[in-house]
Amino acid sequence: MTTRHDIIRRITEALTPLYGHDEARSIALLTAAGLGGVSRTQLLADPGAELELEGLDDVIARLAAGRPVQYELGEAEFCGMSFKVREGVLIPRPETEELVEWVTSEHPTARRLLDVGTGSGCIAIALKRRLPRAEVAAADIADEALAVAAENSRRLEAPIELRRADALDNLAECFAGTFDVIVSNPPYVPRSDAAAMHPNVRDYEPPGALFVPDDDPLLFYRAIARQARRMLAPDGGLYFEIYERAGETMRRMLLEEGYAEVRIRRDLFGRERMASARLAAPQAEAAPETGGDLRTAAGGTTNPTPNEQR
């Protein structure tokens, strides 16, 4: 008889050389629960119960080779929801949930929002679930991503408008009207950093959703910011997830592109991982904000608050 404990132990032992014991055990619990149809709480509450998983040896071999557990299970958790994912679509990250929370906390009455580079649709769908009265649109250049986002939109009963658009070129031409908020988690990892990345990210997730040229790491941000000037409503907000070492260059770029109230925000681990800026109304004079764990356009860093590299 194979028990729950046996399966968790086998997976943990196989993955420890790649991930370390704690993360390997977390993946083992996730795998056993997902494939066995039981909750992690049940696994831990009765470890001696019998559990047979068909093809377990093959699953362990793929995971030990670095295949992300989310691709193995075909789903990933994000903002309390289960999103379908598969190869060709970036896996939602826990840190991106902080970007969603930031947007919704500052724009609770937004009428229209756009997510650029939507991937699985996780940001757009989470925004729609939190702001059900708002119209939420999402864009991606990859047909595979749009198909997965559409599937998640239906499954999670969060209707969003999906369009194929190139963030570097024709974004503004693909959407009529203006938006109160434009948000994006675009590619931002310099290609020279690929060697230092964990193989489960570098070797399996879509490179087009990860990497940018070393000589132009703000490529997507600059293109989106320029197009957003025509797409944002007066006093509209622009929000980005950013590379943790790009905070200062991001701040300068947004100011140079004519934005006001540029803020760089730290995540729960103290890393600069988010940026926002405001398209001020013509009659308004932009003023830097202070407070929180934000670095404002005036410079200076306020008190920081304390995952895996993208």
C-alpha atoms as a PDB file:
ATOM      1  CA  MET A   1       0.000   0.000   0.000  1.00  0.00           C
ATOM      2  CA  THR A   2       1.253   3.472  -0.917  1.00  0.00           C
ATOM      3  CA  THR A   3       0.381   6.147   1.606  1.00  0.00           C
ATOM      4  CA  ARG A   4       0.094   9.901   1.316  1.00  0.00           C
ATOM      5  CA  HIS A   5       3.241  10.166   3.400  1.00  0.00           C
ATOM      6  CA  ASP A   6       5.146   7.865   1.021  1.00  0.00           C
ATOM      7  CA  ILE A   7       4.238   9.972  -2.011  1.00  0.00           C
ATOM      8  CA  ILE A   8       5.128  13.255  -0.343  1.00  0.00           C
ATOM      9  CA  ARG A   9       8.447  11.811   0.832  1.00  0.00           C
ATOM     10  CA  ARG A  10       9.335  10.480  -2.626  1.00  0.00           C
ATOM     11  CA  ILE A  11       8.602  13.749  -4.385  1.00  0.00           C
ATOM     12  CA  THR A  12      10.392  15.780  -1.723  1.00  0.00           C
ATOM     13  CA  GLU A  13      13.530  13.658  -1.906  1.00  0.00           C
ATOM     14  CA  ALA A  14      13.620  13.851  -5.701  1.00  0.00           C
ATOM     15  CA  LEU A  15      13.212  17.628  -5.810  1.00  0.00           C
ATOM     16  CA  THR A  16      15.386  18.663  -2.870  1.00  0.00           C
ATOM     17  CA  PRO A  17      18.610  18.857  -4.948  1.00  0.00           C
ATOM     18  CA  LEU A  18      16.906  21.325  -7.291  1.00  0.00           C
ATOM     19  CA  TYR A  19      14.843  23.418  -4.873  1.00  0.00           C
ATOM     20  CA  GLY A  20      16.009  22.753  -1.326  1.00  0.00           C
ATOM     21  CA  HIS A  21      13.991  20.768   1.206  1.00  0.00           C
ATOM     22  CA  ASP A  22      11.342  23.305   2.171  1.00  0.00           C
ATOM     23  CA  GLU A  23      10.344  24.298  -1.348  1.00  0.00           C
ATOM     24  CA  ALA A  24      10.567  20.683  -2.493  1.00  0.00           C
ATOM     25  CA  ARG A  25       8.135  19.634   0.221  1.00  0.00           C
ATOM     26  CA  SER A  26       5.777  22.469  -0.690  1.00  0.00           C
ATOM     27  CA  ILE A  27       5.794  21.292  -4.319  1.00  0.00           C
ATOM     28  CA  ALA A  28       5.281  17.706  -3.143  1.00  0.00           C
ATOM     29  CA  LEU A  29       2.189  18.690  -1.169  1.00  0.00           C
ATOM     30  CA  LEU A  30       0.840  20.685  -4.100  1.00  0.00           C
ATOM     31  CA  THR A  31       1.436  17.793  -6.490  1.00  0.00           C
ATOM     32  CA  ALA A  32      -0.075  15.118  -4.260  1.00  0.00           C
ATOM     33  CA  ALA A  33      -3.113  17.271  -3.558  1.00  0.00           C
ATOM     34  CA  GLY A  34      -3.649  18.257  -7.176  1.00  0.00           C
ATOM     35  CA  LEU A  35      -3.213  14.804  -8.662  1.00  0.00           C
ATOM     36  CA  GLY A  36      -4.836  12.956  -5.780  1.00  0.00           C
ATOM     37  CA  GLY A  37      -7.942  15.096  -5.551  1.00  0.00           C
ATOM     38  CA  VAL A  38      -7.499  15.872  -1.859  1.00  0.00           C
ATOM     39  CA  SER A  39      -6.664  19.073  -0.023  1.00  0.00           C
ATOM     40  CA  ARG A  40      -3.297  19.754   1.521  1.00  0.00           C
ATOM     41  CA  THR A  41      -5.016  19.849   4.898  1.00  0.00           C
ATOM     42  CA  GLN A  42      -6.303  16.311   4.352  1.00  0.00           C
ATOM     43  CA  LEU A  43      -2.852  15.134   3.305  1.00  0.00           C
ATOM     44  CA  LEU A  44      -1.339  16.397   6.536  1.00  0.00           C
ATOM     45  CA  ALA A  45      -4.226  15.359   8.778  1.00  0.00           C
ATOM     46  CA  ASP A  46      -4.092  11.699   7.714  1.00  0.00           C
ATOM     47  CA  PRO A  47      -0.669  10.970   6.213  1.00  0.00           C
ATOM     48  CA  GLY A  48      -1.091   7.217   6.590  1.00  0.00           C
ATOM     49  CA  ALA A  49      -4.133   7.026   4.321  1.00  0.00           C
ATOM     50  CA  GLU A  50      -3.706   5.154   1.065  1.00  0.00           C
ATOM     51  CA  LEU A  51      -3.123   7.231  -2.083  1.00  0.00           C
ATOM     52  CA  GLU A  52      -2.348   5.806  -5.494  1.00  0.00           C
ATOM     53  CA  LEU A  53      -1.263   8.199  -8.238  1.00  0.00           C
ATOM     54  CA  GLU A  54      -1.064   6.798 -11.747  1.00  0.00           C
ATOM     55  CA  GLY A  55       2.161   7.627 -13.557  1.00  0.00           C
ATOM     56  CA  LEU A  56       3.813   8.992 -10.431  1.00  0.00           C
ATOM     57  CA  ASP A  57       7.322   8.006 -11.570  1.00  0.00           C
ATOM     58  CA  ASP A  58       6.920  10.017 -14.778  1.00  0.00           C
ATOM     59  CA  VAL A  59       5.544  12.998 -12.868  1.00  0.00           C
ATOM     60  CA  ILE A  60       8.486  12.947 -10.473  1.00  0.00           C
ATOM     61  CA  ALA A  61      10.949  12.701 -13.369  1.00  0.00           C
ATOM     62  CA  ARG A  62       9.461  15.745 -15.103  1.00  0.00           C
ATOM     63  CA  LEU A  63       9.401  17.786 -11.914  1.00  0.00           C
ATOM     64  CA  ALA A  64      12.981  16.778 -11.076  1.00  0.00           C
ATOM     65  CA  ALA A  65      14.012  17.961 -14.556  1.00  0.00           C
ATOM     66  CA  GLY A  66      12.672  21.407 -13.657  1.00  0.00           C
ATOM     67  CA  ARG A  67       9.199  21.403 -15.159  1.00  0.00           C
ATOM     68  CA  PRO A  68       7.068  23.816 -13.109  1.00  0.00           C
ATOM     69  CA  VAL A  69       4.474  22.095 -10.966  1.00  0.00           C
ATOM     70  CA  GLN A  70       1.862  24.539 -12.288  1.00  0.00           C
ATOM     71  CA  TYR A  71       2.346  23.187 -15.818  1.00  0.00           C
ATOM     72  CA  GLU A  72       2.230  19.633 -14.509  1.00  0.00           C
ATOM     73  CA  LEU A  73      -1.085  20.294 -12.778  1.00  0.00           C
ATOM     74  CA  GLY A  74      -2.387  22.669 -15.444  1.00  0.00           C
ATOM     75  CA  GLU A  75      -3.336  25.335 -12.940  1.00  0.00           C
ATOM     76  CA  ALA A  76      -1.937  28.052 -10.696  1.00  0.00           C
ATOM     77  CA  GLU A  77      -3.382  29.934  -7.747  1.00  0.00           C
ATOM     78  CA  PHE A  78      -3.720  33.708  -7.983  1.00  0.00           C
ATOM     79  CA  CYS A  79      -5.729  36.082  -5.790  1.00  0.00           C
ATOM     80  CA  GLY A  80      -7.644  33.170  -4.294  1.00  0.00           C
ATOM     81  CA  MET A  81      -8.629  31.736  -7.678  1.00  0.00           C
ATOM     82  CA  SER A  82      -7.408  28.783  -9.692  1.00  0.00           C
ATOM     83  CA  PHE A  83      -6.217  29.769 -13.175  1.00  0.00           C
ATOM     84  CA  LYS A  84      -5.637  27.346 -16.015  1.00  0.00           C
ATOM     85  CA  VAL A  85      -2.069  27.535 -17.333  1.00  0.00           C
ATOM     86  CA  ARG A  86      -0.054  25.634 -19.888  1.00  0.00           C
ATOM     87  CA  GLU A  87       3.222  25.899 -21.775  1.00  0.00           C
ATOM     88  CA  GLY A  88       3.391  29.104 -23.758  1.00  0.00           C
ATOM     89  CA  VAL A  89       1.726  31.168 -21.026  1.00  0.00           C
ATOM     90  CA  LEU A  90       3.515  32.803 -18.111  1.00  0.00           C
ATOM     91  CA  ILE A  91       2.659  31.335 -14.710  1.00  0.00           C
ATOM     92  CA  PRO A  92       0.955  33.882 -12.404  1.00  0.00           C
ATOM     93  CA  ARG A  93       3.169  34.993  -9.520  1.00  0.00           C
ATOM     94  CA  PRO A  94       2.157  35.732  -5.924  1.00  0.00           C
ATOM     95  CA  GLU A  95       3.952  39.091  -6.032  1.00  0.00           C
ATOM     96  CA  THR A  96       1.729  40.228  -8.891  1.00  0.00           C
ATOM     97  CA  GLU A  97      -1.204  40.000  -6.484  1.00  0.00           C
ATOM     98  CA  GLU A  98       0.264  43.055  -4.750  1.00  0.00           C
ATOM     99  CA  LEU A  99      -0.022  45.006  -8.002  1.00  0.00           C
ATOM    100  CA  VAL A 100      -3.713  44.088  -8.256  1.00  0.00           C
ATOM    101  CA  GLU A 101      -4.301  45.154  -4.669  1.00  0.00           C
ATOM    102  CA  TRP A 102      -2.542  48.479  -5.269  1.00  0.00           C
ATOM    103  CA  VAL A 103      -4.668  49.268  -8.313  1.00  0.00           C
ATOM    104  CA  THR A 104      -7.975  48.363  -6.698  1.00  0.00           C
ATOM    105  CA  SER A 105      -7.195  50.187  -3.467  1.00  0.00           C
ATOM    106  CA  GLU A 106      -6.473  53.421  -5.349  1.00  0.00           C
ATOM    107  CA  HIS A 107      -9.176  53.141  -8.010  1.00  0.00           C
ATOM    108  CA  PRO A 108     -12.227  51.539  -6.357  1.00  0.00           C
ATOM    109  CA  THR A 109     -14.611  53.435  -8.646  1.00  0.00           C
ATOM    110  CA  ALA A 110     -12.688  53.008 -11.915  1.00  0.00           C
ATOM    111  CA  ARG A 111     -15.036  52.584 -14.846  1.00  0.00           C
ATOM    112  CA  ARG A 112     -12.633  51.182 -17.428  1.00  0.00           C
ATOM    113  CA  LEU A 113      -9.297  49.388 -17.038  1.00  0.00           C
ATOM    114  CA  LEU A 114      -6.811  47.820 -19.451  1.00  0.00           C
ATOM    115  CA  ASP A 115      -4.304  45.039 -18.773  1.00  0.00           C
ATOM    116  CA  VAL A 116      -1.465  44.963 -21.322  1.00  0.00           C
ATOM    117  CA  GLY A 117       0.260  41.613 -21.886  1.00  0.00           C
ATOM    118  CA  THR A 118      -2.436  39.689 -20.062  1.00  0.00           C
ATOM    119  CA  GLY A 119      -1.021  36.155 -20.401  1.00  0.00           C
ATOM    120  CA  SER A 120      -3.351  33.853 -18.478  1.00  0.00           C
ATOM    121  CA  GLY A 121      -5.640  36.820 -17.821  1.00  0.00           C
ATOM    122  CA  CYS A 122      -4.839  36.767 -14.112  1.00  0.00           C
ATOM    123  CA  ILE A 123      -4.537  40.541 -13.598  1.00  0.00           C
ATOM    124  CA  ALA A 124      -7.553  41.451 -15.724  1.00  0.00           C
ATOM    125  CA  ILE A 125      -9.774  38.771 -14.209  1.00  0.00           C
ATOM    126  CA  ALA A 126      -8.723  39.626 -10.653  1.00  0.00           C
ATOM    127  CA  LEU A 127      -9.515  43.291 -11.361  1.00  0.00           C
ATOM    128  CA  LYS A 128     -12.926  42.353 -12.762  1.00  0.00           C
ATOM    129  CA  ARG A 129     -13.739  40.201  -9.744  1.00  0.00           C
ATOM    130  CA  ARG A 130     -12.803  43.039  -7.389  1.00  0.00           C
ATOM    131  CA  LEU A 131     -14.427  45.781  -9.460  1.00  0.00           C
ATOM    132  CA  PRO A 132     -17.470  44.028 -10.953  1.00  0.00           C
ATOM    133  CA  ARG A 133     -19.051  47.230 -12.255  1.00  0.00           C
ATOM    134  CA  ALA A 134     -15.984  48.223 -14.228  1.00  0.00           C
ATOM    135  CA  GLU A 135     -15.272  47.357 -17.848  1.00  0.00           C
ATOM    136  CA  VAL A 136     -11.987  45.475 -18.019  1.00  0.00           C
ATOM    137  CA  ALA A 137     -10.096  44.957 -21.269  1.00  0.00           C
ATOM    138  CA  ALA A 138      -6.976  42.894 -21.837  1.00  0.00           C
ATOM    139  CA  ALA A 139      -4.426  42.659 -24.639  1.00  0.00           C
ATOM    140  CA  ASP A 140      -1.780  40.166 -25.661  1.00  0.00           C
ATOM    141  CA  ILE A 141       0.148  39.469 -28.841  1.00  0.00           C
ATOM    142  CA  ALA A 142       0.187  35.677 -28.333  1.00  0.00           C
ATOM    143  CA  ASP A 143      -2.814  33.694 -29.551  1.00  0.00           C
ATOM    144  CA  GLU A 144      -2.054  30.951 -27.016  1.00  0.00           C
ATOM    145  CA  ALA A 145      -2.246  33.443 -24.176  1.00  0.00           C
ATOM    146  CA  LEU A 146      -5.510  34.915 -25.441  1.00  0.00           C
ATOM    147  CA  ALA A 147      -7.042  31.433 -25.647  1.00  0.00           C
ATOM    148  CA  VAL A 148      -6.035  30.625 -22.068  1.00  0.00           C
ATOM    149  CA  ALA A 149      -7.250  34.018 -20.826  1.00  0.00           C
ATOM    150  CA  ALA A 150     -10.614  33.473 -22.531  1.00  0.00           C
ATOM    151  CA  GLU A 151     -10.924  30.057 -20.897  1.00  0.00           C
ATOM    152  CA  ASN A 152     -10.138  31.508 -17.476  1.00  0.00           C
ATOM    153  CA  SER A 153     -12.582  34.367 -18.016  1.00  0.00           C
ATOM    154  CA  ARG A 154     -15.387  31.876 -18.701  1.00  0.00           C
ATOM    155  CA  ARG A 155     -14.472  29.510 -15.874  1.00  0.00           C
ATOM    156  CA  LEU A 156     -14.181  32.248 -13.291  1.00  0.00           C
ATOM    157  CA  GLU A 157     -17.265  34.113 -14.510  1.00  0.00           C
ATOM    158  CA  ALA A 158     -15.372  37.347 -14.991  1.00  0.00           C
ATOM    159  CA  PRO A 159     -16.222  38.756 -18.420  1.00  0.00           C
ATOM    160  CA  ILE A 160     -13.378  40.780 -19.920  1.00  0.00           C
ATOM    161  CA  GLU A 161     -12.767  42.177 -23.404  1.00  0.00           C
ATOM    162  CA  LEU A 162      -9.823  40.386 -25.013  1.00  0.00           C
ATOM    163  CA  ARG A 163      -7.961  41.703 -28.041  1.00  0.00           C
ATOM    164  CA  ARG A 164      -4.820  40.774 -29.914  1.00  0.00           C
ATOM    165  CA  ALA A 165      -2.503  43.775 -29.785  1.00  0.00           C
ATOM    166  CA  ASP A 166       1.200  44.527 -29.871  1.00  0.00           C
ATOM    167  CA  ALA A 167       2.329  46.532 -26.866  1.00  0.00           C
ATOM    168  CA  LEU A 168       5.258  47.858 -28.886  1.00  0.00           C
ATOM    169  CA  ASP A 169       3.229  49.080 -31.820  1.00  0.00           C
ATOM    170  CA  ASN A 170      -0.540  49.194 -32.241  1.00  0.00           C
ATOM    171  CA  LEU A 171      -1.960  49.139 -28.736  1.00  0.00           C
ATOM    172  CA  ALA A 172      -3.703  52.488 -29.038  1.00  0.00           C
ATOM    173  CA  GLU A 173      -5.267  51.538 -32.374  1.00  0.00           C
ATOM    174  CA  CYS A 174      -6.856  48.364 -30.973  1.00  0.00           C
ATOM    175  CA  PHE A 175      -8.956  49.994 -28.246  1.00  0.00           C
ATOM    176  CA  ALA A 176     -11.423  52.832 -28.610  1.00  0.00           C
ATOM    177  CA  GLY A 177     -12.103  55.368 -25.883  1.00  0.00           C
ATOM    178  CA  THR A 178     -10.071  56.060 -22.786  1.00  0.00           C
ATOM    179  CA  PHE A 179      -9.173  54.139 -19.645  1.00  0.00           C
ATOM    180  CA  ASP A 180      -9.065  55.177 -16.017  1.00  0.00           C
ATOM    181  CA  VAL A 181      -6.261  52.696 -15.386  1.00  0.00           C
ATOM    182  CA  ILE A 182      -3.721  50.934 -17.582  1.00  0.00           C
ATOM    183  CA  VAL A 183      -1.758  48.162 -15.873  1.00  0.00           C
ATOM    184  CA  SER A 184       0.947  45.860 -17.195  1.00  0.00           C
ATOM    185  CA  ASN A 185       3.384  43.163 -16.150  1.00  0.00           C
ATOM    186  CA  PRO A 186       5.447  43.105 -19.360  1.00  0.00           C
ATOM    187  CA  PRO A 187       8.719  41.291 -20.147  1.00  0.00           C
ATOM    188  CA  TYR A 188      11.503  42.865 -18.095  1.00  0.00           C
ATOM    189  CA  VAL A 189      14.339  40.416 -17.371  1.00  0.00           C
ATOM    190  CA  PRO A 190      17.596  41.372 -19.183  1.00  0.00           C
ATOM    191  CA  ARG A 191      18.807  38.463 -21.309  1.00  0.00           C
ATOM    192  CA  SER A 192      22.167  38.512 -19.542  1.00  0.00           C
ATOM    193  CA  ASP A 193      20.379  37.548 -16.314  1.00  0.00           C
ATOM    194  CA  ALA A 194      19.008  34.328 -17.817  1.00  0.00           C
ATOM    195  CA  ALA A 195      21.956  32.211 -16.648  1.00  0.00           C
ATOM    196  CA  ALA A 196      21.272  33.133 -13.021  1.00  0.00           C
ATOM    197  CA  MET A 197      17.576  32.287 -13.183  1.00  0.00           C
ATOM    198  CA  HIS A 198      16.149  29.072 -11.806  1.00  0.00           C
ATOM    199  CA  PRO A 199      15.829  26.487 -14.596  1.00  0.00           C
ATOM    200  CA  ASN A 200      12.127  25.912 -13.883  1.00  0.00           C
ATOM    201  CA  VAL A 201      11.553  29.487 -15.085  1.00  0.00           C
ATOM    202  CA  ARG A 202      14.298  29.948 -17.677  1.00  0.00           C
ATOM    203  CA  ASP A 203      13.880  26.600 -19.443  1.00  0.00           C
ATOM    204  CA  TYR A 204      10.107  26.215 -19.393  1.00  0.00           C
ATOM    205  CA  GLU A 205       8.252  29.512 -19.378  1.00  0.00           C
ATOM    206  CA  PRO A 206       7.834  31.481 -22.635  1.00  0.00           C
ATOM    207  CA  PRO A 207      10.962  33.583 -23.282  1.00  0.00           C
ATOM    208  CA  GLY A 208       8.915  36.227 -25.088  1.00  0.00           C
ATOM    209  CA  ALA A 209       7.074  36.926 -21.823  1.00  0.00           C
ATOM    210  CA  LEU A 210      10.284  37.084 -19.792  1.00  0.00           C
ATOM    211  CA  PHE A 211      13.248  38.653 -21.549  1.00  0.00           C
ATOM    212  CA  VAL A 212      14.217  42.027 -22.970  1.00  0.00           C
ATOM    213  CA  PRO A 213      17.442  43.181 -24.647  1.00  0.00           C
ATOM    214  CA  ASP A 214      20.242  44.196 -22.310  1.00  0.00           C
ATOM    215  CA  ASP A 215      20.652  47.489 -24.147  1.00  0.00           C
ATOM    216  CA  ASP A 216      16.976  48.461 -23.758  1.00  0.00           C
ATOM    217  CA  PRO A 217      15.505  46.897 -20.597  1.00  0.00           C
ATOM    218  CA  LEU A 218      12.644  49.430 -20.484  1.00  0.00           C
ATOM    219  CA  LEU A 219      11.573  48.643 -24.038  1.00  0.00           C
ATOM    220  CA  PHE A 220       8.022  47.590 -23.206  1.00  0.00           C
ATOM    221  CA  TYR A 221       7.502  50.118 -20.425  1.00  0.00           C
ATOM    222  CA  ARG A 222       8.481  53.033 -22.638  1.00  0.00           C
ATOM    223  CA  ALA A 223       6.276  51.877 -25.503  1.00  0.00           C
ATOM    224  CA  ILE A 224       3.280  51.364 -23.219  1.00  0.00           C
ATOM    225  CA  ALA A 225       3.834  54.684 -21.454  1.00  0.00           C
ATOM    226  CA  ARG A 226       3.954  56.581 -24.751  1.00  0.00           C
ATOM    227  CA  GLN A 227       0.792  54.966 -26.080  1.00  0.00           C
ATOM    228  CA  ALA A 228      -0.939  55.369 -22.723  1.00  0.00           C
ATOM    229  CA  ARG A 229      -0.706  59.158 -23.047  1.00  0.00           C
ATOM    230  CA  ARG A 230      -3.364  58.857 -25.766  1.00  0.00           C
ATOM    231  CA  MET A 231      -5.348  56.159 -23.992  1.00  0.00           C
ATOM    232  CA  LEU A 232      -5.629  57.338 -20.401  1.00  0.00           C
ATOM    233  CA  ALA A 233      -8.460  59.549 -19.245  1.00  0.00           C
ATOM    234  CA  PRO A 234      -7.472  62.845 -17.596  1.00  0.00           C
ATOM    235  CA  ASP A 235      -5.892  62.048 -14.241  1.00  0.00           C
ATOM    236  CA  GLY A 236      -5.699  58.371 -15.268  1.00  0.00           C
ATOM    237  CA  GLY A 237      -3.267  55.985 -13.604  1.00  0.00           C
ATOM    238  CA  LEU A 238      -0.502  53.863 -15.131  1.00  0.00           C
ATOM    239  CA  TYR A 239       0.705  50.847 -13.117  1.00  0.00           C
ATOM    240  CA  PHE A 240       3.595  48.460 -13.795  1.00  0.00           C
ATOM    241  CA  GLU A 241       5.234  45.449 -12.249  1.00  0.00           C
ATOM    242  CA  ILE A 242       8.966  46.069 -12.613  1.00  0.00           C
ATOM    243  CA  TYR A 243      12.349  44.379 -12.281  1.00  0.00           C
ATOM    244  CA  GLU A 244      13.670  44.838  -8.771  1.00  0.00           C
ATOM    245  CA  ARG A 245      16.795  46.681  -9.956  1.00  0.00           C
ATOM    246  CA  ALA A 246      14.965  49.027 -12.333  1.00  0.00           C
ATOM    247  CA  GLY A 247      13.238  51.371  -9.906  1.00  0.00           C
ATOM    248  CA  GLU A 248      15.341  54.484 -10.447  1.00  0.00           C
ATOM    249  CA  THR A 249      15.583  54.149 -14.228  1.00  0.00           C
ATOM    250  CA  MET A 250      11.842  53.551 -14.366  1.00  0.00           C
ATOM    251  CA  ARG A 251      11.179  56.696 -12.359  1.00  0.00           C
ATOM    252  CA  ARG A 252      13.354  58.794 -14.664  1.00  0.00           C
ATOM    253  CA  MET A 253      11.817  57.331 -17.812  1.00  0.00           C
ATOM    254  CA  LEU A 254       8.244  58.038 -16.705  1.00  0.00           C
ATOM    255  CA  LEU A 255       9.112  61.609 -15.784  1.00  0.00           C
ATOM    256  CA  GLU A 256      10.795  62.088 -19.156  1.00  0.00           C
ATOM    257  CA  GLU A 257       7.672  60.751 -20.856  1.00  0.00           C
ATOM    258  CA  GLY A 258       5.625  63.496 -19.236  1.00  0.00           C
ATOM    259  CA  TYR A 259       4.010  61.661 -16.324  1.00  0.00           C
ATOM    260  CA  ALA A 260       3.453  63.105 -12.870  1.00  0.00           C
ATOM    261  CA  GLU A 261       3.413  61.636  -9.361  1.00  0.00           C
ATOM    262  CA  VAL A 262       5.783  58.826 -10.290  1.00  0.00           C
ATOM    263  CA  ARG A 263       6.033  56.322  -7.458  1.00  0.00           C
ATOM    264  CA  ILE A 264       8.142  53.228  -6.954  1.00  0.00           C
ATOM    265  CA  ARG A 265       6.676  50.751  -4.490  1.00  0.00           C
ATOM    266  CA  ARG A 266       8.332  47.940  -2.576  1.00  0.00           C
ATOM    267  CA  ASP A 267       6.793  44.496  -2.223  1.00  0.00           C
ATOM    268  CA  LEU A 268       6.403  42.606   1.049  1.00  0.00           C
ATOM    269  CA  PHE A 269      10.019  41.465   0.788  1.00  0.00           C
ATOM    270  CA  GLY A 270      11.326  45.015   0.548  1.00  0.00           C
ATOM    271  CA  ARG A 271      12.151  44.890  -3.160  1.00  0.00           C
ATOM    272  CA  GLU A 272      11.221  47.667  -5.574  1.00  0.00           C
ATOM    273  CA  ARG A 273       8.766  45.741  -7.727  1.00  0.00           C
ATOM    274  CA  MET A 274       5.985  48.162  -8.734  1.00  0.00           C
ATOM    275  CA  ALA A 275       5.691  51.583 -10.310  1.00  0.00           C
ATOM    276  CA  SER A 276       2.830  53.963 -10.908  1.00  0.00           C
ATOM    277  CA  ALA A 277       2.369  57.338 -12.519  1.00  0.00           C
ATOM    278  CA  ARG A 278      -0.522  59.655 -13.207  1.00  0.00           C
ATOM    279  CA  LEU A 279      -1.562  61.422 -16.345  1.00  0.00           C
ATOM    280  CA  ALA A 280      -2.465  64.723 -14.764  1.00  0.00           C
ATOM    281  CA  ALA A 281      -5.369  66.794 -16.016  1.00  0.00           C
ATOM    282  CA  PRO A 282      -4.125  69.773 -18.075  1.00  0.00           C
ATOM    283  CA  GLN A 283      -5.134  72.287 -15.430  1.00  0.00           C
ATOM    284  CA  ALA A 284      -3.610  70.306 -12.575  1.00  0.00           C
ATOM    285  CA  GLU A 285      -0.077  70.782 -11.364  1.00  0.00           C
ATOM    286  CA  ALA A 286       1.612  67.492 -10.572  1.00  0.00           C
ATOM    287  CA  ALA A 287       2.885  67.137  -7.020  1.00  0.00           C
ATOM    288  CA  PRO A 288       4.949  64.309  -5.609  1.00  0.00           C
ATOM    289  CA  GLU A 289       3.286  62.021  -3.082  1.00  0.00           C
ATOM    290  CA  THR A 290       4.758  60.955   0.180  1.00  0.00           C
ATOM    291  CA  GLY A 291       4.020  58.317   2.734  1.00  0.00           C
ATOM    292  CA  GLY A 292       3.788  54.542   2.680  1.00  0.00           C
ATOM    293  CA  ASP A 293       6.655  52.544   1.286  1.00  0.00           C
ATOM    294  CA  LEU A 294       6.876  54.611  -1.898  1.00  0.00           C
ATOM    295  CA  ARG A 295       9.687  56.525  -3.513  1.00  0.00           C
ATOM    296  CA  THR A 296       8.153  59.584  -5.140  1.00  0.00           C
ATOM    297  CA  ALA A 297       9.102  61.778  -8.060  1.00  0.00           C
ATOM    298  CA  ALA A 298      10.907  64.069  -5.658  1.00  0.00           C
ATOM    299  CA  GLY A 299      13.399  61.309  -4.924  1.00  0.00           C
ATOM    300  CA  GLY A 300      14.055  59.948  -1.456  1.00  0.00           C
ATOM    301  CA  THR A 301      12.931  56.598  -0.155  1.00  0.00           C
ATOM    302  CA  THR A 302      10.504  56.172   2.687  1.00  0.00           C
ATOM    303  CA  ASN A 303      10.400  53.268   5.088  1.00  0.00           C
ATOM    304  CA  PRO A 304      10.328  49.953   3.166  1.00  0.00           C
ATOM    305  CA  THR A 305       8.201  46.994   4.092  1.00  0.00           C
ATOM    306  CA  PRO A 306       9.518  43.667   3.968  1.00  0.00           C
ATOM    307  CA  ASN A 307       9.665  35.396  -4.645  1.00  0.00           C
ATOM    308  CA  GLU A 308      11.244  33.914  -6.826  1.00  0.00           C
ATOM    309  CA  GLN A 309      12.805  35.824  -9.617  1.00  0.00           C
ATOM    310  CA  ARG A 310      10.458  36.208 -12.494  1.00  0.00           C
END
